[in-house]
């Protein structure tokens, strides 16, 4: 099990509690974030909604691939990428 935070500054109390229980913490970090309680830092713009949408979309895809519920080919067929990009 792991603990995932979008903004370590905003989720500071939850991060402290996760550290106390021994959960590894994965965080989306911006240049101004403190990495004190973050075990794995993913550098990203954690304030912009488009950036967060892309990051969570990629994470969801990778989790489904790891579980064996989809493949790259099946994912590409299920998603209309041109329509998705035009929604920004």
N, C-alpha and C. Protein backbone atom coordinates (compact mmCIF):
# COMPACT_ATOMS: atom_id res chain seq x y z
N UNK A 1 0.84 -1.16 0.00
CA UNK A 1 0.00 0.00 0.00
C UNK A 1 0.90 1.24 0.00
N UNK A 2 0.41 2.31 -0.62
CA UNK A 2 1.15 3.57 -0.60
C UNK A 2 0.17 4.73 -0.50
N UNK A 3 0.72 5.88 -0.17
CA UNK A 3 -0.07 7.09 0.00
C UNK A 3 0.33 8.06 -1.10
N UNK A 4 -0.66 8.57 -1.82
CA UNK A 4 -0.41 9.45 -2.96
C UNK A 4 -0.96 10.83 -2.64
N UNK A 5 -0.11 11.87 -2.74
CA UNK A 5 -0.56 13.24 -2.48
C UNK A 5 -0.38 14.08 -3.74
N UNK A 6 -1.36 14.92 -3.99
CA UNK A 6 -1.29 15.83 -5.13
C UNK A 6 -0.45 17.05 -4.80
N UNK A 7 -0.59 17.56 -3.60
CA UNK A 7 0.16 18.74 -3.17
C UNK A 7 0.65 18.50 -1.75
N UNK A 8 1.95 18.23 -1.56
CA UNK A 8 2.45 17.94 -0.21
C UNK A 8 2.18 19.05 0.80
N UNK A 9 2.13 20.30 0.37
CA UNK A 9 1.86 21.40 1.30
C UNK A 9 0.42 21.35 1.79
N UNK A 10 -0.51 21.13 0.89
CA UNK A 10 -1.93 21.09 1.26
C UNK A 10 -2.27 19.82 2.03
N UNK A 11 -1.56 18.74 1.77
CA UNK A 11 -1.84 17.45 2.41
C UNK A 11 -0.83 17.16 3.52
N UNK A 12 -0.34 18.18 4.18
CA UNK A 12 0.73 18.03 5.16
C UNK A 12 0.32 17.15 6.34
N UNK A 13 -0.85 17.38 6.92
CA UNK A 13 -1.29 16.59 8.08
C UNK A 13 -1.46 15.12 7.71
N UNK A 14 -2.07 14.86 6.57
CA UNK A 14 -2.25 13.47 6.13
C UNK A 14 -0.90 12.81 5.86
N UNK A 15 0.05 13.58 5.34
CA UNK A 15 1.38 13.04 5.08
C UNK A 15 2.09 12.67 6.38
N UNK A 16 1.95 13.50 7.39
CA UNK A 16 2.56 13.21 8.69
C UNK A 16 1.98 11.92 9.27
N UNK A 17 0.67 11.76 9.16
CA UNK A 17 0.04 10.54 9.67
C UNK A 17 0.48 9.32 8.88
N UNK A 18 0.67 9.46 7.57
CA UNK A 18 1.16 8.35 6.75
C UNK A 18 2.58 7.97 7.14
N UNK A 19 3.42 8.96 7.43
CA UNK A 19 4.79 8.69 7.87
C UNK A 19 4.76 7.93 9.19
N UNK A 20 3.89 8.34 10.11
CA UNK A 20 3.80 7.67 11.41
C UNK A 20 3.35 6.22 11.29
N UNK A 21 2.57 5.90 10.27
CA UNK A 21 2.12 4.52 10.08
C UNK A 21 3.08 3.72 9.20
N UNK A 22 4.07 4.39 8.61
CA UNK A 22 5.06 3.69 7.80
C UNK A 22 4.70 3.53 6.34
N UNK A 23 3.66 4.22 5.88
CA UNK A 23 3.30 4.13 4.47
C UNK A 23 4.26 4.95 3.61
N UNK A 24 4.71 4.41 2.49
CA UNK A 24 5.52 5.22 1.58
C UNK A 24 4.64 6.28 0.91
N UNK A 25 5.20 7.46 0.72
CA UNK A 25 4.44 8.58 0.17
C UNK A 25 4.97 8.93 -1.21
N UNK A 26 4.06 8.96 -2.18
CA UNK A 26 4.36 9.41 -3.54
C UNK A 26 3.68 10.75 -3.69
N UNK A 27 4.41 11.75 -4.15
CA UNK A 27 3.82 13.08 -4.26
C UNK A 27 4.10 13.75 -5.59
N UNK A 28 3.08 14.45 -6.07
CA UNK A 28 3.27 15.33 -7.23
C UNK A 28 3.83 16.63 -6.67
N UNK A 29 5.03 16.99 -7.06
CA UNK A 29 5.68 18.14 -6.46
C UNK A 29 6.02 19.19 -7.50
N UNK A 30 5.85 20.42 -7.10
CA UNK A 30 6.20 21.58 -7.89
C UNK A 30 7.54 22.10 -7.36
N UNK A 31 8.10 23.10 -7.99
CA UNK A 31 9.40 23.63 -7.59
C UNK A 31 9.38 24.22 -6.19
N UNK A 32 8.23 24.65 -5.71
CA UNK A 32 8.16 25.30 -4.41
C UNK A 32 7.71 24.36 -3.28
N UNK A 33 7.61 23.06 -3.52
CA UNK A 33 7.17 22.13 -2.49
C UNK A 33 8.35 21.61 -1.67
N UNK A 34 8.09 21.39 -0.38
CA UNK A 34 9.05 20.78 0.52
C UNK A 34 8.94 19.27 0.39
N UNK A 35 10.06 18.58 0.26
CA UNK A 35 10.07 17.13 0.06
C UNK A 35 10.30 16.36 1.35
N UNK A 36 10.10 16.99 2.49
CA UNK A 36 10.45 16.39 3.77
C UNK A 36 9.79 15.02 3.97
N UNK A 37 8.51 14.87 3.75
CA UNK A 37 7.82 13.60 4.01
C UNK A 37 7.54 12.80 2.74
N UNK A 38 8.07 13.23 1.61
CA UNK A 38 7.79 12.56 0.34
C UNK A 38 8.90 11.56 0.03
N UNK A 39 8.53 10.30 -0.17
CA UNK A 39 9.52 9.26 -0.49
C UNK A 39 9.84 9.23 -1.98
N UNK A 40 8.82 9.35 -2.82
CA UNK A 40 9.00 9.36 -4.28
C UNK A 40 8.35 10.63 -4.81
N UNK A 41 9.16 11.48 -5.43
CA UNK A 41 8.66 12.75 -5.96
C UNK A 41 8.48 12.65 -7.47
N UNK A 42 7.30 13.03 -7.92
CA UNK A 42 7.02 13.11 -9.36
C UNK A 42 6.95 14.60 -9.69
N UNK A 43 7.96 15.13 -10.39
CA UNK A 43 7.93 16.56 -10.70
C UNK A 43 6.81 16.87 -11.69
N UNK A 44 5.97 17.81 -11.31
CA UNK A 44 4.82 18.16 -12.15
C UNK A 44 4.24 19.48 -11.69
N UNK A 45 3.46 20.07 -12.55
CA UNK A 45 2.68 21.24 -12.18
C UNK A 45 1.47 20.73 -11.41
N UNK A 46 1.51 20.82 -10.09
CA UNK A 46 0.41 20.28 -9.30
C UNK A 46 -0.65 21.32 -8.97
N UNK A 47 -0.66 22.42 -9.69
CA UNK A 47 -1.68 23.45 -9.50
C UNK A 47 -2.64 23.55 -10.70
N UNK A 48 -2.16 23.23 -11.89
CA UNK A 48 -2.98 23.38 -13.09
C UNK A 48 -3.90 22.20 -13.32
N UNK A 49 -5.14 22.49 -13.66
CA UNK A 49 -6.11 21.39 -13.82
C UNK A 49 -5.78 20.53 -15.04
N UNK A 50 -5.24 21.11 -16.10
CA UNK A 50 -4.89 20.30 -17.28
C UNK A 50 -3.71 19.38 -16.98
N UNK A 51 -2.75 19.90 -16.27
CA UNK A 51 -1.60 19.09 -15.89
C UNK A 51 -2.04 17.93 -15.00
N UNK A 52 -2.86 18.21 -14.01
CA UNK A 52 -3.35 17.15 -13.12
C UNK A 52 -4.20 16.14 -13.87
N UNK A 53 -5.02 16.62 -14.79
CA UNK A 53 -5.85 15.70 -15.58
C UNK A 53 -4.98 14.74 -16.37
N UNK A 54 -3.93 15.25 -16.99
CA UNK A 54 -3.03 14.39 -17.77
C UNK A 54 -2.30 13.40 -16.88
N UNK A 55 -1.80 13.85 -15.75
CA UNK A 55 -1.06 12.97 -14.85
C UNK A 55 -1.95 11.85 -14.33
N UNK A 56 -3.15 12.18 -13.88
CA UNK A 56 -4.05 11.14 -13.36
C UNK A 56 -4.54 10.22 -14.48
N UNK A 57 -4.69 10.74 -15.68
CA UNK A 57 -5.08 9.91 -16.83
C UNK A 57 -3.98 8.88 -17.11
N UNK A 58 -2.72 9.34 -17.10
CA UNK A 58 -1.59 8.43 -17.33
C UNK A 58 -1.46 7.41 -16.21
N UNK A 59 -1.64 7.85 -14.96
CA UNK A 59 -1.55 6.91 -13.84
C UNK A 59 -2.65 5.86 -13.91
N UNK A 60 -3.86 6.26 -14.25
CA UNK A 60 -4.97 5.31 -14.36
C UNK A 60 -4.68 4.29 -15.45
N UNK A 61 -4.15 4.74 -16.57
CA UNK A 61 -3.83 3.83 -17.66
C UNK A 61 -2.77 2.82 -17.24
N UNK A 62 -1.74 3.28 -16.55
CA UNK A 62 -0.67 2.38 -16.12
C UNK A 62 -1.17 1.37 -15.09
N UNK A 63 -2.02 1.79 -14.18
CA UNK A 63 -2.58 0.86 -13.19
C UNK A 63 -3.39 -0.22 -13.89
N UNK A 64 -4.21 0.16 -14.85
CA UNK A 64 -5.00 -0.83 -15.59
C UNK A 64 -4.11 -1.78 -16.38
N UNK A 65 -3.01 -1.28 -16.93
CA UNK A 65 -2.08 -2.15 -17.66
C UNK A 65 -1.39 -3.12 -16.71
N UNK A 66 -0.99 -2.66 -15.54
CA UNK A 66 -0.33 -3.53 -14.57
C UNK A 66 -1.28 -4.63 -14.09
N UNK A 67 -2.55 -4.28 -13.89
CA UNK A 67 -3.55 -5.27 -13.47
C UNK A 67 -3.90 -6.25 -14.58
N UNK A 68 -3.50 -5.94 -15.80
CA UNK A 68 -3.82 -6.80 -16.93
C UNK A 68 -5.22 -6.58 -17.47
N UNK A 69 -5.84 -5.47 -17.11
CA UNK A 69 -7.20 -5.18 -17.56
C UNK A 69 -7.24 -4.50 -18.92
N UNK A 70 -6.10 -4.02 -19.41
CA UNK A 70 -6.05 -3.38 -20.72
C UNK A 70 -4.64 -3.49 -21.29
N UNK A 71 -4.53 -3.20 -22.57
CA UNK A 71 -3.23 -3.12 -23.24
C UNK A 71 -3.15 -1.76 -23.92
N UNK A 72 -1.99 -1.43 -24.42
CA UNK A 72 -1.85 -0.16 -25.13
C UNK A 72 -2.78 -0.09 -26.34
N UNK A 73 -2.90 -1.20 -27.05
CA UNK A 73 -3.74 -1.23 -28.25
C UNK A 73 -5.22 -1.08 -27.88
N UNK A 74 -5.65 -1.81 -26.86
CA UNK A 74 -7.06 -1.72 -26.44
C UNK A 74 -7.37 -0.34 -25.90
N UNK A 75 -6.43 0.26 -25.18
CA UNK A 75 -6.64 1.59 -24.63
C UNK A 75 -6.78 2.61 -25.75
N UNK A 76 -5.93 2.51 -26.77
CA UNK A 76 -5.98 3.45 -27.89
C UNK A 76 -7.30 3.34 -28.64
N UNK A 77 -7.82 2.11 -28.78
CA UNK A 77 -9.10 1.94 -29.45
C UNK A 77 -10.25 2.50 -28.62
N UNK A 78 -10.17 2.36 -27.31
CA UNK A 78 -11.25 2.81 -26.44
C UNK A 78 -11.27 4.32 -26.27
N UNK A 79 -10.12 4.95 -26.43
CA UNK A 79 -10.03 6.40 -26.22
C UNK A 79 -9.93 7.11 -27.56
N UNK A 80 -10.72 8.13 -27.73
CA UNK A 80 -10.59 8.98 -28.91
C UNK A 80 -9.63 10.11 -28.54
N UNK A 81 -8.35 9.91 -28.79
CA UNK A 81 -7.34 10.85 -28.34
C UNK A 81 -7.49 12.22 -28.96
N UNK A 82 -7.92 12.29 -30.21
CA UNK A 82 -8.10 13.60 -30.84
C UNK A 82 -9.22 14.37 -30.14
N UNK A 83 -10.29 13.70 -29.79
CA UNK A 83 -11.39 14.37 -29.09
C UNK A 83 -10.93 14.82 -27.70
N UNK A 84 -10.13 13.97 -27.02
CA UNK A 84 -9.64 14.31 -25.69
C UNK A 84 -8.76 15.55 -25.74
N UNK A 85 -7.86 15.63 -26.71
CA UNK A 85 -6.97 16.78 -26.82
C UNK A 85 -7.74 18.05 -27.17
N UNK A 86 -8.81 17.93 -27.93
CA UNK A 86 -9.55 19.12 -28.32
C UNK A 86 -10.40 19.66 -27.17
N UNK A 87 -10.52 18.91 -26.08
CA UNK A 87 -11.33 19.38 -24.96
C UNK A 87 -10.59 20.39 -24.09
N UNK A 88 -9.29 20.60 -24.40
CA UNK A 88 -8.53 21.56 -23.60
C UNK A 88 -8.69 22.93 -24.16
